[in-house]
Structures are given as structure tokens and as C-alpha cells.
């Protein structure tokens, strides 16, 4: 899932380590989220949204994959 986490974090001058501490996760988790290698749990998504004062949809971009109509 694509997201704006890195963009938002950098706009506010926040280090990965500091964001990780605030969210109670590892810096590696923040890095994996930013690179799209890891999708957050719903609880973590809410924590992130609350931290930035935004809605989940403002941070995480859900792109529905269209099914092949022949299936």
C-alpha cells in the first residue's frame, strides 16, 4: 500500500527514530512502512493518523486492484 508517511515525517523535521518512539515501534518498522514493504495494522494506522492529526485516508493510499473479467 502506498503512503505519504516519509513525506509527512520529513515536512515536520521528524527523524525515523523519534517517530518510531512515539508510535512504540522500531525504526525498522517505520522504514518498512515508508518503503511500502509493510502494511500497518489498523491500530498502528490509527496511531500514525492521530500523531499527524490527519485521517488514515490522508496518509495511506488504497488502490483497488481490478479483477480480470475473464475469471
C-alpha atoms as a PDB file:
ATOM      1  CA  UNK A   1       0.000   0.000   0.000  1.00  0.00           C
ATOM      2  CA  UNK A   2       1.346   3.393  -0.929  1.00  0.00           C
ATOM      3  CA  UNK A   3       1.559   6.062   1.738  1.00  0.00           C
ATOM      4  CA  UNK A   4       2.740   9.600   2.468  1.00  0.00           C
ATOM      5  CA  UNK A   5       4.468   8.736   5.741  1.00  0.00           C
ATOM      6  CA  UNK A   6       8.004   9.682   4.701  1.00  0.00           C
ATOM      7  CA  UNK A   7       6.796  12.914   3.096  1.00  0.00           C
ATOM      8  CA  UNK A   8       4.834  13.932   6.205  1.00  0.00           C
ATOM      9  CA  UNK A   9       7.659  12.982   8.552  1.00  0.00           C
ATOM     10  CA  UNK A  10      10.241  14.984   6.594  1.00  0.00           C
ATOM     11  CA  UNK A  11       7.931  18.004   6.241  1.00  0.00           C
ATOM     12  CA  UNK A  12       7.785  18.182  10.026  1.00  0.00           C
ATOM     13  CA  UNK A  13      11.500  17.521  10.507  1.00  0.00           C
ATOM     14  CA  UNK A  14      10.931  14.297  12.447  1.00  0.00           C
ATOM     15  CA  UNK A  15      13.561  11.550  12.488  1.00  0.00           C
ATOM     16  CA  UNK A  16      12.532   7.951  11.920  1.00  0.00           C
ATOM     17  CA  UNK A  17      13.790   7.132  15.421  1.00  0.00           C
ATOM     18  CA  UNK A  18      11.605   9.803  17.010  1.00  0.00           C
ATOM     19  CA  UNK A  19       8.502   8.746  15.092  1.00  0.00           C
ATOM     20  CA  UNK A  20       9.169   5.120  15.997  1.00  0.00           C
ATOM     21  CA  UNK A  21       9.441   6.007  19.691  1.00  0.00           C
ATOM     22  CA  UNK A  22       6.175   7.982  19.577  1.00  0.00           C
ATOM     23  CA  UNK A  23       4.389   5.075  17.873  1.00  0.00           C
ATOM     24  CA  UNK A  24       6.041   2.448  20.086  1.00  0.00           C
ATOM     25  CA  UNK A  25       7.525   0.543  17.135  1.00  0.00           C
ATOM     26  CA  UNK A  26      11.090   0.038  15.866  1.00  0.00           C
ATOM     27  CA  UNK A  27      12.853   2.397  13.470  1.00  0.00           C
ATOM     28  CA  UNK A  28      12.984  -0.555  11.057  1.00  0.00           C
ATOM     29  CA  UNK A  29       9.175  -0.727  11.127  1.00  0.00           C
ATOM     30  CA  UNK A  30       8.927   2.960  10.228  1.00  0.00           C
ATOM     31  CA  UNK A  31      11.401   2.425   7.382  1.00  0.00           C
ATOM     32  CA  UNK A  32       9.470  -0.594   6.103  1.00  0.00           C
ATOM     33  CA  UNK A  33       6.212   1.364   6.227  1.00  0.00           C
ATOM     34  CA  UNK A  34       7.751   4.258   4.305  1.00  0.00           C
ATOM     35  CA  UNK A  35       9.128   1.904   1.626  1.00  0.00           C
ATOM     36  CA  UNK A  36       5.842   0.068   1.237  1.00  0.00           C
ATOM     37  CA  UNK A  37       7.327  -3.251   2.370  1.00  0.00           C
ATOM     38  CA  UNK A  38       4.949  -3.430   5.328  1.00  0.00           C
ATOM     39  CA  UNK A  39       1.294  -2.511   5.745  1.00  0.00           C
ATOM     40  CA  UNK A  40       0.345  -1.310   9.208  1.00  0.00           C
ATOM     41  CA  UNK A  41      -2.225  -2.942  11.419  1.00  0.00           C
ATOM     42  CA  UNK A  42      -5.397  -0.913  11.751  1.00  0.00           C
ATOM     43  CA  UNK A  43      -4.306   0.078  15.275  1.00  0.00           C
ATOM     44  CA  UNK A  44      -0.939   1.335  14.022  1.00  0.00           C
ATOM     45  CA  UNK A  45      -2.607   3.176  11.125  1.00  0.00           C
ATOM     46  CA  UNK A  46      -4.845   4.986  13.641  1.00  0.00           C
ATOM     47  CA  UNK A  47      -1.825   5.833  15.833  1.00  0.00           C
ATOM     48  CA  UNK A  48       0.012   7.284  12.834  1.00  0.00           C
ATOM     49  CA  UNK A  49      -3.012   9.303  11.720  1.00  0.00           C
ATOM     50  CA  UNK A  50      -3.573  10.629  15.230  1.00  0.00           C
ATOM     51  CA  UNK A  51       0.132  11.526  15.559  1.00  0.00           C
ATOM     52  CA  UNK A  52      -0.023  13.685  12.421  1.00  0.00           C
ATOM     53  CA  UNK A  53      -3.528  14.988  13.128  1.00  0.00           C
ATOM     54  CA  UNK A  54      -4.860  13.534   9.879  1.00  0.00           C
ATOM     55  CA  UNK A  55      -7.323  10.928   8.695  1.00  0.00           C
ATOM     56  CA  UNK A  56      -5.975   7.492   7.766  1.00  0.00           C
ATOM     57  CA  UNK A  57      -7.018   8.118   4.139  1.00  0.00           C
ATOM     58  CA  UNK A  58      -4.836  11.249   4.089  1.00  0.00           C
ATOM     59  CA  UNK A  59      -1.743   9.124   4.776  1.00  0.00           C
ATOM     60  CA  UNK A  60      -2.420   5.716   3.257  1.00  0.00           C
ATOM     61  CA  UNK A  61      -3.463   5.398  -0.377  1.00  0.00           C
ATOM     62  CA  UNK A  62      -5.658   2.393  -1.059  1.00  0.00           C
ATOM     63  CA  UNK A  63      -5.626   1.341  -4.693  1.00  0.00           C
ATOM     64  CA  UNK A  64      -8.082  -1.374  -5.517  1.00  0.00           C
ATOM     65  CA  UNK A  65      -6.719  -3.913  -7.981  1.00  0.00           C
ATOM     66  CA  UNK A  66      -9.233  -4.636 -10.696  1.00  0.00           C
ATOM     67  CA  UNK A  67     -10.024  -8.317 -11.275  1.00  0.00           C
ATOM     68  CA  UNK A  68      -9.591  -9.713 -14.770  1.00  0.00           C
ATOM     69  CA  UNK A  69     -13.150 -10.032 -16.115  1.00  0.00           C
ATOM     70  CA  UNK A  70     -12.408 -13.487 -17.584  1.00  0.00           C
ATOM     71  CA  UNK A  71     -12.038 -15.075 -14.151  1.00  0.00           C
END
